[in-house]
Amino acid sequence: MKRVLIAEDNDSNYLLMTYILKNRYEFDRARNGQEVVDMVESYAPDLIIMDLKMPVINGIEVSRRIRKNHPDIPIIILTASAFESDREEAESIGCNEFLTKPVSGQKCLEIINRLI
């Protein structure tokens, strides 16, 4: 079964993602940006769902770091921030998708299935 790393500090947003992913994917949680970096270095997940507003290191900086050593891991930005500048920055560093909260479970699964 494919493994998804959910980078989400908010408990209710994390629970929603686990509901969407359950029975389809294995998943782990990182509660801050440094945990994401550490977890990706200890094992390579098949896909990362990344919140932009992460404690310690924000999602954009984490994604930059991941791209240096793991350019092939798909990264989906999932954020409440709907600014076009955030989308452009995410695309410029190589994130695969940019979704805004609240997200449709069906749309999220379609994108994950396409990327992995």
PDB file of N, CA and C in Angstrom:
ATOM      1  N   MET A   1       0.842  -1.179   0.000  1.00  0.00           N
ATOM      2  CA  MET A   1       0.000   0.000   0.000  1.00  0.00           C
ATOM      3  C   MET A   1       0.892   1.248   0.000  1.00  0.00           C
ATOM      4  N   LYS A   2       0.516   2.238  -0.781  1.00  0.00           N
ATOM      5  CA  LYS A   2       1.287   3.479  -0.879  1.00  0.00           C
ATOM      6  C   LYS A   2       1.155   4.270   0.420  1.00  0.00           C
ATOM      7  N   ARG A   3       2.239   5.028   0.740  1.00  0.00           N
ATOM      8  CA  ARG A   3       2.288   5.785   1.989  1.00  0.00           C
ATOM      9  C   ARG A   3       2.293   7.284   1.703  1.00  0.00           C
ATOM     10  N   VAL A   4       1.393   7.998   2.400  1.00  0.00           N
ATOM     11  CA  VAL A   4       1.258   9.439   2.264  1.00  0.00           C
ATOM     12  C   VAL A   4       1.680  10.097   3.573  1.00  0.00           C
ATOM     13  N   LEU A   5       2.509  11.121   3.469  1.00  0.00           N
ATOM     14  CA  LEU A   5       2.884  11.916   4.628  1.00  0.00           C
ATOM     15  C   LEU A   5       1.994  13.157   4.649  1.00  0.00           C
ATOM     16  N   ILE A   6       1.243  13.320   5.738  1.00  0.00           N
ATOM     17  CA  ILE A   6       0.350  14.465   5.900  1.00  0.00           C
ATOM     18  C   ILE A   6       1.041  15.461   6.820  1.00  0.00           C
ATOM     19  N   ALA A   7       1.410  16.614   6.267  1.00  0.00           N
ATOM     20  CA  ALA A   7       2.048  17.671   7.044  1.00  0.00           C
ATOM     21  C   ALA A   7       0.960  18.662   7.449  1.00  0.00           C
ATOM     22  N   GLU A   8       0.455  18.498   8.655  1.00  0.00           N
ATOM     23  CA  GLU A   8      -0.694  19.295   9.099  1.00  0.00           C
ATOM     24  C   GLU A   8      -0.637  19.460  10.612  1.00  0.00           C
ATOM     25  N   ASP A   9      -0.606  20.700  11.088  1.00  0.00           N
ATOM     26  CA  ASP A   9      -0.549  20.952  12.520  1.00  0.00           C
ATOM     27  C   ASP A   9      -1.929  21.047  13.169  1.00  0.00           C
ATOM     28  N   ASN A  10      -2.967  21.252  12.388  1.00  0.00           N
ATOM     29  CA  ASN A  10      -4.319  21.389  12.900  1.00  0.00           C
ATOM     30  C   ASN A  10      -4.991  20.008  12.987  1.00  0.00           C
ATOM     31  N   ASP A  11      -5.442  19.643  14.185  1.00  0.00           N
ATOM     32  CA  ASP A  11      -6.013  18.308  14.401  1.00  0.00           C
ATOM     33  C   ASP A  11      -7.244  18.033  13.536  1.00  0.00           C
ATOM     34  N   SER A  12      -8.146  18.999  13.423  1.00  0.00           N
ATOM     35  CA  SER A  12      -9.372  18.746  12.647  1.00  0.00           C
ATOM     36  C   SER A  12      -9.060  18.587  11.160  1.00  0.00           C
ATOM     37  N   ASN A  13      -8.118  19.362  10.634  1.00  0.00           N
ATOM     38  CA  ASN A  13      -7.723  19.201   9.230  1.00  0.00           C
ATOM     39  C   ASN A  13      -7.046  17.851   9.009  1.00  0.00           C
ATOM     40  N   TYR A  14      -6.234  17.426   9.982  1.00  0.00           N
ATOM     41  CA  TYR A  14      -5.589  16.109   9.881  1.00  0.00           C
ATOM     42  C   TYR A  14      -6.644  14.998   9.882  1.00  0.00           C
ATOM     43  N   LEU A  15      -7.617  15.097  10.773  1.00  0.00           N
ATOM     44  CA  LEU A  15      -8.664  14.068  10.839  1.00  0.00           C
ATOM     45  C   LEU A  15      -9.447  13.985   9.538  1.00  0.00           C
ATOM     46  N   LEU A  16      -9.723  15.127   8.922  1.00  0.00           N
ATOM     47  CA  LEU A  16     -10.407  15.118   7.630  1.00  0.00           C
ATOM     48  C   LEU A  16      -9.576  14.371   6.595  1.00  0.00           C
ATOM     49  N   MET A  17      -8.277  14.620   6.554  1.00  0.00           N
ATOM     50  CA  MET A  17      -7.421  13.936   5.583  1.00  0.00           C
ATOM     51  C   MET A  17      -7.370  12.432   5.856  1.00  0.00           C
ATOM     52  N   THR A  18      -7.336  12.029   7.114  1.00  0.00           N
ATOM     53  CA  THR A  18      -7.315  10.589   7.408  1.00  0.00           C
ATOM     54  C   THR A  18      -8.620   9.938   6.964  1.00  0.00           C
ATOM     55  N   TYR A  19      -9.734  10.659   7.100  1.00  0.00           N
ATOM     56  CA  TYR A  19     -11.021  10.140   6.640  1.00  0.00           C
ATOM     57  C   TYR A  19     -10.994   9.937   5.117  1.00  0.00           C
ATOM     58  N   ILE A  20     -10.423  10.891   4.397  1.00  0.00           N
ATOM     59  CA  ILE A  20     -10.342  10.802   2.941  1.00  0.00           C
ATOM     60  C   ILE A  20      -9.435   9.650   2.514  1.00  0.00           C
ATOM     61  N   LEU A  21      -8.330   9.460   3.227  1.00  0.00           N
ATOM     62  CA  LEU A  21      -7.320   8.479   2.820  1.00  0.00           C
ATOM     63  C   LEU A  21      -7.555   7.067   3.357  1.00  0.00           C
ATOM     64  N   LYS A  22      -8.349   6.923   4.406  1.00  0.00           N
ATOM     65  CA  LYS A  22      -8.471   5.623   5.069  1.00  0.00           C
ATOM     66  C   LYS A  22      -8.881   4.531   4.083  1.00  0.00           C
ATOM     67  N   ASN A  23      -8.358   3.361   4.314  1.00  0.00           N
ATOM     68  CA  ASN A  23      -8.613   2.164   3.506  1.00  0.00           C
ATOM     69  C   ASN A  23      -8.047   2.249   2.088  1.00  0.00           C
ATOM     70  N   ARG A  24      -7.403   3.341   1.746  1.00  0.00           N
ATOM     71  CA  ARG A  24      -6.820   3.485   0.410  1.00  0.00           C
ATOM     72  C   ARG A  24      -5.303   3.621   0.464  1.00  0.00           C
ATOM     73  N   TYR A  25      -4.829   4.316   1.500  1.00  0.00           N
ATOM     74  CA  TYR A  25      -3.402   4.595   1.649  1.00  0.00           C
ATOM     75  C   TYR A  25      -3.005   4.475   3.111  1.00  0.00           C
ATOM     76  N   GLU A  26      -1.747   4.127   3.337  1.00  0.00           N
ATOM     77  CA  GLU A  26      -1.178   4.263   4.667  1.00  0.00           C
ATOM     78  C   GLU A  26      -0.779   5.725   4.812  1.00  0.00           C
ATOM     79  N   PHE A  27      -0.758   6.237   6.029  1.00  0.00           N
ATOM     80  CA  PHE A  27      -0.389   7.636   6.193  1.00  0.00           C
ATOM     81  C   PHE A  27       0.302   7.870   7.532  1.00  0.00           C
ATOM     82  N   ASP A  28       1.121   8.903   7.536  1.00  0.00           N
ATOM     83  CA  ASP A  28       1.812   9.367   8.731  1.00  0.00           C
ATOM     84  C   ASP A  28       1.544  10.853   8.857  1.00  0.00           C
ATOM     85  N   ARG A  29       1.799  11.372  10.050  1.00  0.00           N
ATOM     86  CA  ARG A  29       1.560  12.799  10.284  1.00  0.00           C
ATOM     87  C   ARG A  29       2.820  13.478  10.775  1.00  0.00           C
ATOM     88  N   ALA A  30       3.068  14.649  10.232  1.00  0.00           N
ATOM     89  CA  ALA A  30       4.091  15.549  10.752  1.00  0.00           C
ATOM     90  C   ALA A  30       3.365  16.798  11.232  1.00  0.00           C
ATOM     91  N   ARG A  31       3.683  17.246  12.444  1.00  0.00           N
ATOM     92  CA  ARG A  31       2.982  18.390  13.030  1.00  0.00           C
ATOM     93  C   ARG A  31       3.699  19.717  12.813  1.00  0.00           C
ATOM     94  N   ASN A  32       4.945  19.655  12.332  1.00  0.00           N
ATOM     95  CA  ASN A  32       5.658  20.891  12.017  1.00  0.00           C
ATOM     96  C   ASN A  32       6.636  20.624  10.875  1.00  0.00           C
ATOM     97  N   GLY A  33       7.172  21.697  10.327  1.00  0.00           N
ATOM     98  CA  GLY A  33       8.025  21.567   9.156  1.00  0.00           C
ATOM     99  C   GLY A  33       9.283  20.759   9.387  1.00  0.00           C
ATOM    100  N   GLN A  34       9.876  20.882  10.568  1.00  0.00           N
ATOM    101  CA  GLN A  34      11.088  20.111  10.842  1.00  0.00           C
ATOM    102  C   GLN A  34      10.792  18.618  10.884  1.00  0.00           C
ATOM    103  N   GLU A  35       9.639  18.241  11.417  1.00  0.00           N
ATOM    104  CA  GLU A  35       9.244  16.828  11.418  1.00  0.00           C
ATOM    105  C   GLU A  35       9.109  16.304   9.988  1.00  0.00           C
ATOM    106  N   VAL A  36       8.582  17.120   9.091  1.00  0.00           N
ATOM    107  CA  VAL A  36       8.455  16.702   7.692  1.00  0.00           C
ATOM    108  C   VAL A  36       9.836  16.399   7.120  1.00  0.00           C
ATOM    109  N   VAL A  37      10.764  17.325   7.293  1.00  0.00           N
ATOM    110  CA  VAL A  37      12.130  17.144   6.775  1.00  0.00           C
ATOM    111  C   VAL A  37      12.745  15.872   7.345  1.00  0.00           C
ATOM    112  N   ASP A  38      12.626  15.681   8.651  1.00  0.00           N
ATOM    113  CA  ASP A  38      13.209  14.503   9.303  1.00  0.00           C
ATOM    114  C   ASP A  38      12.566  13.211   8.810  1.00  0.00           C
ATOM    115  N   MET A  39      11.246  13.209   8.680  1.00  0.00           N
ATOM    116  CA  MET A  39      10.553  11.995   8.252  1.00  0.00           C
ATOM    117  C   MET A  39      10.894  11.634   6.815  1.00  0.00           C
ATOM    118  N   VAL A  40      10.993  12.622   5.948  1.00  0.00           N
ATOM    119  CA  VAL A  40      11.333  12.350   4.551  1.00  0.00           C
ATOM    120  C   VAL A  40      12.750  11.793   4.447  1.00  0.00           C
ATOM    121  N   GLU A  41      13.637  12.235   5.310  1.00  0.00           N
ATOM    122  CA  GLU A  41      15.004  11.703   5.289  1.00  0.00           C
ATOM    123  C   GLU A  41      15.075  10.286   5.857  1.00  0.00           C
ATOM    124  N   SER A  42      14.164   9.933   6.767  1.00  0.00           N
ATOM    125  CA  SER A  42      14.210   8.588   7.351  1.00  0.00           C
ATOM    126  C   SER A  42      13.509   7.554   6.472  1.00  0.00           C
ATOM    127  N   TYR A  43      12.539   7.979   5.712  1.00  0.00           N
ATOM    128  CA  TYR A  43      11.888   7.112   4.725  1.00  0.00           C
ATOM    129  C   TYR A  43      11.299   8.021   3.662  1.00  0.00           C
ATOM    130  N   ALA A  44      11.218   7.539   2.475  1.00  0.00           N
ATOM    131  CA  ALA A  44      10.687   8.356   1.379  1.00  0.00           C
ATOM    132  C   ALA A  44       9.216   8.007   1.169  1.00  0.00           C
ATOM    133  N   PRO A  45       8.295   8.898   1.575  1.00  0.00           N
ATOM    134  CA  PRO A  45       6.878   8.620   1.329  1.00  0.00           C
ATOM    135  C   PRO A  45       6.586   8.662  -0.165  1.00  0.00           C
ATOM    136  N   ASP A  46       5.481   8.086  -0.554  1.00  0.00           N
ATOM    137  CA  ASP A  46       5.090   8.093  -1.963  1.00  0.00           C
ATOM    138  C   ASP A  46       4.497   9.442  -2.384  1.00  0.00           C
ATOM    139  N   LEU A  47       4.020  10.222  -1.398  1.00  0.00           N
ATOM    140  CA  LEU A  47       3.425  11.523  -1.689  1.00  0.00           C
ATOM    141  C   LEU A  47       3.363  12.309  -0.382  1.00  0.00           C
ATOM    142  N   ILE A  48       3.435  13.641  -0.487  1.00  0.00           N
ATOM    143  CA  ILE A  48       3.323  14.517   0.682  1.00  0.00           C
ATOM    144  C   ILE A  48       2.175  15.486   0.454  1.00  0.00           C
ATOM    145  N   ILE A  49       1.316  15.601   1.461  1.00  0.00           N
ATOM    146  CA  ILE A  49       0.289  16.638   1.486  1.00  0.00           C
ATOM    147  C   ILE A  49       0.780  17.674   2.487  1.00  0.00           C
ATOM    148  N   MET A  50       1.054  18.891   2.006  1.00  0.00           N
ATOM    149  CA  MET A  50       1.762  19.904   2.780  1.00  0.00           C
ATOM    150  C   MET A  50       0.903  21.138   3.041  1.00  0.00           C
ATOM    151  N   ASP A  51       0.732  21.460   4.320  1.00  0.00           N
ATOM    152  CA  ASP A  51       0.112  22.725   4.693  1.00  0.00           C
ATOM    153  C   ASP A  51       1.168  23.822   4.556  1.00  0.00           C
ATOM    154  N   LEU A  52       0.766  25.012   4.128  1.00  0.00           N
ATOM    155  CA  LEU A  52       1.723  26.115   4.001  1.00  0.00           C
ATOM    156  C   LEU A  52       2.096  26.711   5.348  1.00  0.00           C
ATOM    157  N   LYS A  53       1.138  26.844   6.230  1.00  0.00           N
ATOM    158  CA  LYS A  53       1.350  27.530   7.512  1.00  0.00           C
ATOM    159  C   LYS A  53       1.743  26.535   8.599  1.00  0.00           C
ATOM    160  N   MET A  54       2.916  25.922   8.436  1.00  0.00           N
ATOM    161  CA  MET A  54       3.412  24.951   9.409  1.00  0.00           C
ATOM    162  C   MET A  54       4.297  25.647  10.441  1.00  0.00           C
ATOM    163  N   PRO A  55       4.238  25.210  11.709  1.00  0.00           N
ATOM    164  CA  PRO A  55       5.162  25.742  12.708  1.00  0.00           C
ATOM    165  C   PRO A  55       6.604  25.311  12.413  1.00  0.00           C
ATOM    166  N   VAL A  56       7.544  25.993  12.970  1.00  0.00           N
ATOM    167  CA  VAL A  56       8.989  25.759  12.913  1.00  0.00           C
ATOM    168  C   VAL A  56       9.545  26.122  11.530  1.00  0.00           C
ATOM    169  N   ILE A  57       9.131  25.424  10.482  1.00  0.00           N
ATOM    170  CA  ILE A  57       9.544  25.733   9.107  1.00  0.00           C
ATOM    171  C   ILE A  57       8.272  25.716   8.261  1.00  0.00           C
ATOM    172  N   ASN A  58       8.026  26.780   7.498  1.00  0.00           N
ATOM    173  CA  ASN A  58       6.783  26.824   6.717  1.00  0.00           C
ATOM    174  C   ASN A  58       6.818  25.843   5.545  1.00  0.00           C
ATOM    175  N   GLY A  59       5.662  25.575   4.985  1.00  0.00           N
ATOM    176  CA  GLY A  59       5.514  24.572   3.932  1.00  0.00           C
ATOM    177  C   GLY A  59       6.317  24.860   2.675  1.00  0.00           C
ATOM    178  N   ILE A  60       6.463  26.119   2.314  1.00  0.00           N
ATOM    179  CA  ILE A  60       7.249  26.457   1.126  1.00  0.00           C
ATOM    180  C   ILE A  60       8.717  26.103   1.341  1.00  0.00           C
ATOM    181  N   GLU A  61       9.266  26.489   2.482  1.00  0.00           N
ATOM    182  CA  GLU A  61      10.681  26.191   2.757  1.00  0.00           C
ATOM    183  C   GLU A  61      10.909  24.686   2.878  1.00  0.00           C
ATOM    184  N   VAL A  62       9.974  23.980   3.512  1.00  0.00           N
ATOM    185  CA  VAL A  62      10.085  22.516   3.608  1.00  0.00           C
ATOM    186  C   VAL A  62      10.089  21.909   2.208  1.00  0.00           C
ATOM    187  N   SER A  63       9.187  22.368   1.356  1.00  0.00           N
ATOM    188  CA  SER A  63       9.119  21.842  -0.012  1.00  0.00           C
ATOM    189  C   SER A  63      10.416  22.104  -0.766  1.00  0.00           C
ATOM    190  N   ARG A  64      11.002  23.286  -0.591  1.00  0.00           N
ATOM    191  CA  ARG A  64      12.309  23.579  -1.213  1.00  0.00           C
ATOM    192  C   ARG A  64      13.363  22.559  -0.784  1.00  0.00           C
ATOM    193  N   ARG A  65      13.418  22.298   0.506  1.00  0.00           N
ATOM    194  CA  ARG A  65      14.413  21.355   1.040  1.00  0.00           C
ATOM    195  C   ARG A  65      14.189  19.949   0.509  1.00  0.00           C
ATOM    196  N   ILE A  66      12.936  19.542   0.448  1.00  0.00           N
ATOM    197  CA  ILE A  66      12.622  18.202  -0.059  1.00  0.00           C
ATOM    198  C   ILE A  66      13.026  18.084  -1.525  1.00  0.00           C
ATOM    199  N   ARG A  67      12.754  19.105  -2.310  1.00  0.00           N
ATOM    200  CA  ARG A  67      13.079  19.076  -3.743  1.00  0.00           C
ATOM    201  C   ARG A  67      14.571  18.895  -4.001  1.00  0.00           C
ATOM    202  N   LYS A  68      15.422  19.381  -3.101  1.00  0.00           N
ATOM    203  CA  LYS A  68      16.876  19.245  -3.290  1.00  0.00           C
ATOM    204  C   LYS A  68      17.310  17.788  -3.302  1.00  0.00           C
ATOM    205  N   ASN A  69      16.790  16.991  -2.380  1.00  0.00           N
ATOM    206  CA  ASN A  69      17.234  15.596  -2.246  1.00  0.00           C
ATOM    207  C   ASN A  69      16.239  14.578  -2.775  1.00  0.00           C
ATOM    208  N   HIS A  70      14.999  14.976  -2.946  1.00  0.00           N
ATOM    209  CA  HIS A  70      13.944  14.043  -3.370  1.00  0.00           C
ATOM    210  C   HIS A  70      13.065  14.705  -4.424  1.00  0.00           C
ATOM    211  N   PRO A  71      13.601  14.957  -5.587  1.00  0.00           N
ATOM    212  CA  PRO A  71      12.836  15.693  -6.601  1.00  0.00           C
ATOM    213  C   PRO A  71      11.634  14.933  -7.154  1.00  0.00           C
ATOM    214  N   ASP A  72      11.568  13.638  -6.926  1.00  0.00           N
ATOM    215  CA  ASP A  72      10.495  12.840  -7.526  1.00  0.00           C
ATOM    216  C   ASP A  72       9.305  12.588  -6.607  1.00  0.00           C
ATOM    217  N   ILE A  73       9.392  12.986  -5.338  1.00  0.00           N
ATOM    218  CA  ILE A  73       8.255  12.791  -4.436  1.00  0.00           C
ATOM    219  C   ILE A  73       7.202  13.855  -4.756  1.00  0.00           C
ATOM    220  N   PRO A  74       6.000  13.447  -5.132  1.00  0.00           N
ATOM    221  CA  PRO A  74       4.954  14.434  -5.401  1.00  0.00           C
ATOM    222  C   PRO A  74       4.586  15.201  -4.129  1.00  0.00           C
ATOM    223  N   ILE A  75       4.400  16.512  -4.272  1.00  0.00           N
ATOM    224  CA  ILE A  75       3.991  17.366  -3.157  1.00  0.00           C
ATOM    225  C   ILE A  75       2.715  18.099  -3.562  1.00  0.00           C
ATOM    226  N   ILE A  76       1.688  17.921  -2.728  1.00  0.00           N
ATOM    227  CA  ILE A  76       0.439  18.647  -2.897  1.00  0.00           C
ATOM    228  C   ILE A  76       0.368  19.686  -1.782  1.00  0.00           C
ATOM    229  N   ILE A  77       0.294  20.943  -2.142  1.00  0.00           N
ATOM    230  CA  ILE A  77       0.066  21.987  -1.155  1.00  0.00           C
ATOM    231  C   ILE A  77      -1.436  22.029  -0.881  1.00  0.00           C
ATOM    232  N   LEU A  78      -1.793  21.966   0.388  1.00  0.00           N
ATOM    233  CA  LEU A  78      -3.192  22.042   0.802  1.00  0.00           C
ATOM    234  C   LEU A  78      -3.268  23.118   1.878  1.00  0.00           C
ATOM    235  N   THR A  79      -3.871  24.238   1.558  1.00  0.00           N
ATOM    236  CA  THR A  79      -3.801  25.387   2.452  1.00  0.00           C
ATOM    237  C   THR A  79      -5.083  26.195   2.472  1.00  0.00           C
ATOM    238  N   ALA A  80      -5.272  26.946   3.542  1.00  0.00           N
ATOM    239  CA  ALA A  80      -6.375  27.897   3.616  1.00  0.00           C
ATOM    240  C   ALA A  80      -5.996  29.201   2.918  1.00  0.00           C
ATOM    241  N   SER A  81      -4.723  29.361   2.619  1.00  0.00           N
ATOM    242  CA  SER A  81      -4.229  30.574   1.956  1.00  0.00           C
ATOM    243  C   SER A  81      -4.486  30.472   0.461  1.00  0.00           C
ATOM    244  N   ALA A  82      -5.334  31.348  -0.036  1.00  0.00           N
ATOM    245  CA  ALA A  82      -5.715  31.262  -1.449  1.00  0.00           C
ATOM    246  C   ALA A  82      -5.069  32.372  -2.283  1.00  0.00           C
ATOM    247  N   PHE A  83      -3.985  32.936  -1.795  1.00  0.00           N
ATOM    248  CA  PHE A  83      -3.325  34.005  -2.538  1.00  0.00           C
ATOM    249  C   PHE A  83      -2.633  33.453  -3.774  1.00  0.00           C
ATOM    250  N   GLU A  84      -2.762  34.157  -4.876  1.00  0.00           N
ATOM    251  CA  GLU A  84      -2.116  33.740  -6.127  1.00  0.00           C
ATOM    252  C   GLU A  84      -0.605  33.696  -5.973  1.00  0.00           C
ATOM    253  N   SER A  85      -0.051  34.583  -5.151  1.00  0.00           N
ATOM    254  CA  SER A  85       1.402  34.596  -4.935  1.00  0.00           C
ATOM    255  C   SER A  85       1.874  33.299  -4.268  1.00  0.00           C
ATOM    256  N   ASP A  86       1.057  32.739  -3.368  1.00  0.00           N
ATOM    257  CA  ASP A  86       1.409  31.458  -2.744  1.00  0.00           C
ATOM    258  C   ASP A  86       1.405  30.337  -3.786  1.00  0.00           C
ATOM    259  N   ARG A  87       0.400  30.346  -4.636  1.00  0.00           N
ATOM    260  CA  ARG A  87       0.310  29.343  -5.704  1.00  0.00           C
ATOM    261  C   ARG A  87       1.528  29.447  -6.634  1.00  0.00           C
ATOM    262  N   GLU A  88       1.857  30.651  -7.037  1.00  0.00           N
ATOM    263  CA  GLU A  88       2.992  30.851  -7.942  1.00  0.00           C
ATOM    264  C   GLU A  88       4.303  30.404  -7.313  1.00  0.00           C
ATOM    265  N   GLU A  89       4.486  30.714  -6.030  1.00  0.00           N
ATOM    266  CA  GLU A  89       5.715  30.295  -5.354  1.00  0.00           C
ATOM    267  C   GLU A  89       5.781  28.775  -5.241  1.00  0.00           C
ATOM    268  N   ALA A  90       4.672  28.141  -4.914  1.00  0.00           N
ATOM    269  CA  ALA A  90       4.633  26.677  -4.817  1.00  0.00           C
ATOM    270  C   ALA A  90       4.969  26.040  -6.162  1.00  0.00           C
ATOM    271  N   GLU A  91       4.406  26.573  -7.225  1.00  0.00           N
ATOM    272  CA  GLU A  91       4.698  26.042  -8.566  1.00  0.00           C
ATOM    273  C   GLU A  91       6.161  26.264  -8.943  1.00  0.00           C
ATOM    274  N   SER A  92       6.717  27.419  -8.564  1.00  0.00           N
ATOM    275  CA  SER A  92       8.097  27.738  -8.946  1.00  0.00           C
ATOM    276  C   SER A  92       9.119  26.818  -8.291  1.00  0.00           C
ATOM    277  N   ILE A  93       8.779  26.251  -7.133  1.00  0.00           N
ATOM    278  CA  ILE A  93       9.730  25.338  -6.481  1.00  0.00           C
ATOM    279  C   ILE A  93       9.440  23.875  -6.797  1.00  0.00           C
ATOM    280  N   GLY A  94       8.425  23.636  -7.626  1.00  0.00           N
ATOM    281  CA  GLY A  94       8.190  22.281  -8.096  1.00  0.00           C
ATOM    282  C   GLY A  94       7.116  21.489  -7.395  1.00  0.00           C
ATOM    283  N   CYS A  95       6.230  22.162  -6.654  1.00  0.00           N
ATOM    284  CA  CYS A  95       5.104  21.436  -6.071  1.00  0.00           C
ATOM    285  C   CYS A  95       4.172  21.010  -7.200  1.00  0.00           C
ATOM    286  N   ASN A  96       3.584  19.841  -7.057  1.00  0.00           N
ATOM    287  CA  ASN A  96       2.791  19.263  -8.133  1.00  0.00           C
ATOM    288  C   ASN A  96       1.370  19.798  -8.229  1.00  0.00           C
ATOM    289  N   GLU A  97       0.776  20.127  -7.087  1.00  0.00           N
ATOM    290  CA  GLU A  97      -0.603  20.624  -7.063  1.00  0.00           C
ATOM    291  C   GLU A  97      -0.747  21.634  -5.936  1.00  0.00           C
ATOM    292  N   PHE A  98      -1.748  22.502  -6.063  1.00  0.00           N
ATOM    293  CA  PHE A  98      -2.046  23.516  -5.059  1.00  0.00           C
ATOM    294  C   PHE A  98      -3.547  23.503  -4.839  1.00  0.00           C
ATOM    295  N   LEU A  99      -3.970  23.049  -3.666  1.00  0.00           N
ATOM    296  CA  LEU A  99      -5.394  22.969  -3.340  1.00  0.00           C
ATOM    297  C   LEU A  99      -5.697  23.872  -2.155  1.00  0.00           C
ATOM    298  N   THR A 100      -6.901  24.443  -2.140  1.00  0.00           N
ATOM    299  CA  THR A 100      -7.289  25.284  -1.018  1.00  0.00           C
ATOM    300  C   THR A 100      -8.338  24.574  -0.170  1.00  0.00           C
ATOM    301  N   LYS A 101      -8.285  24.855   1.123  1.00  0.00           N
ATOM    302  CA  LYS A 101      -9.246  24.307   2.078  1.00  0.00           C
ATOM    303  C   LYS A 101     -10.496  25.169   2.054  1.00  0.00           C
ATOM    304  N   PRO A 102     -11.651  24.590   2.226  1.00  0.00           N
ATOM    305  CA  PRO A 102     -11.894  23.151   2.352  1.00  0.00           C
ATOM    306  C   PRO A 102     -11.785  22.471   0.992  1.00  0.00           C
ATOM    307  N   VAL A 103     -11.286  21.259   1.004  1.00  0.00           N
ATOM    308  CA  VAL A 103     -11.084  20.523  -0.240  1.00  0.00           C
ATOM    309  C   VAL A 103     -12.108  19.397  -0.344  1.00  0.00           C
ATOM    310  N   SER A 104     -12.523  19.133  -1.541  1.00  0.00           N
ATOM    311  CA  SER A 104     -13.409  17.997  -1.797  1.00  0.00           C
ATOM    312  C   SER A 104     -12.604  16.713  -1.664  1.00  0.00           C
ATOM    313  N   GLY A 105     -13.140  15.767  -0.927  1.00  0.00           N
ATOM    314  CA  GLY A 105     -12.458  14.485  -0.773  1.00  0.00           C
ATOM    315  C   GLY A 105     -12.264  13.787  -2.104  1.00  0.00           C
ATOM    316  N   GLN A 106     -13.268  13.848  -2.955  1.00  0.00           N
ATOM    317  CA  GLN A 106     -13.176  13.202  -4.266  1.00  0.00           C
ATOM    318  C   GLN A 106     -12.077  13.839  -5.108  1.00  0.00           C
ATOM    319  N   LYS A 107     -12.023  15.170  -5.124  1.00  0.00           N
ATOM    320  CA  LYS A 107     -10.995  15.856  -5.900  1.00  0.00           C
ATOM    321  C   LYS A 107      -9.608  15.526  -5.365  1.00  0.00           C
ATOM    322  N   CYS A 108      -9.477  15.505  -4.056  1.00  0.00           N
ATOM    323  CA  CYS A 108      -8.192  15.187  -3.434  1.00  0.00           C
ATOM    324  C   CYS A 108      -7.742  13.780  -3.829  1.00  0.00           C
ATOM    325  N   LEU A 109      -8.646  12.809  -3.761  1.00  0.00           N
ATOM    326  CA  LEU A 109      -8.303  11.439  -4.132  1.00  0.00           C
ATOM    327  C   LEU A 109      -7.951  11.315  -5.613  1.00  0.00           C
ATOM    328  N   GLU A 110      -8.659  12.025  -6.467  1.00  0.00           N
ATOM    329  CA  GLU A 110      -8.346  11.996  -7.892  1.00  0.00           C
ATOM    330  C   GLU A 110      -6.920  12.473  -8.146  1.00  0.00           C
ATOM    331  N   ILE A 111      -6.527  13.542  -7.478  1.00  0.00           N
ATOM    332  CA  ILE A 111      -5.178  14.085  -7.654  1.00  0.00           C
ATOM    333  C   ILE A 111      -4.127  13.127  -7.088  1.00  0.00           C
ATOM    334  N   ILE A 112      -4.378  12.593  -5.899  1.00  0.00           N
ATOM    335  CA  ILE A 112      -3.427  11.649  -5.302  1.00  0.00           C
ATOM    336  C   ILE A 112      -3.275  10.428  -6.195  1.00  0.00           C
ATOM    337  N   ASN A 113      -4.372   9.872  -6.660  1.00  0.00           N
ATOM    338  CA  ASN A 113      -4.320   8.691  -7.524  1.00  0.00           C
ATOM    339  C   ASN A 113      -3.543   8.971  -8.804  1.00  0.00           C
ATOM    340  N   ARG A 114      -3.704  10.163  -9.338  1.00  0.00           N
ATOM    341  CA  ARG A 114      -2.977  10.521 -10.570  1.00  0.00           C
ATOM    342  C   ARG A 114      -1.470  10.657 -10.301  1.00  0.00           C
ATOM    343  N   LEU A 115      -1.121  11.196  -9.137  1.00  0.00           N
ATOM    344  CA  LEU A 115       0.297  11.445  -8.855  1.00  0.00           C
ATOM    345  C   LEU A 115       1.052  10.203  -8.397  1.00  0.00           C
ATOM    346  N   ILE A 116       0.359   9.248  -7.793  1.00  0.00           N
ATOM    347  CA  ILE A 116       1.055   8.027  -7.379  1.00  0.00           C
ATOM    348  C   ILE A 116       0.360   6.829  -7.947  1.00  0.00           C
TER     349      ILE A 116
END
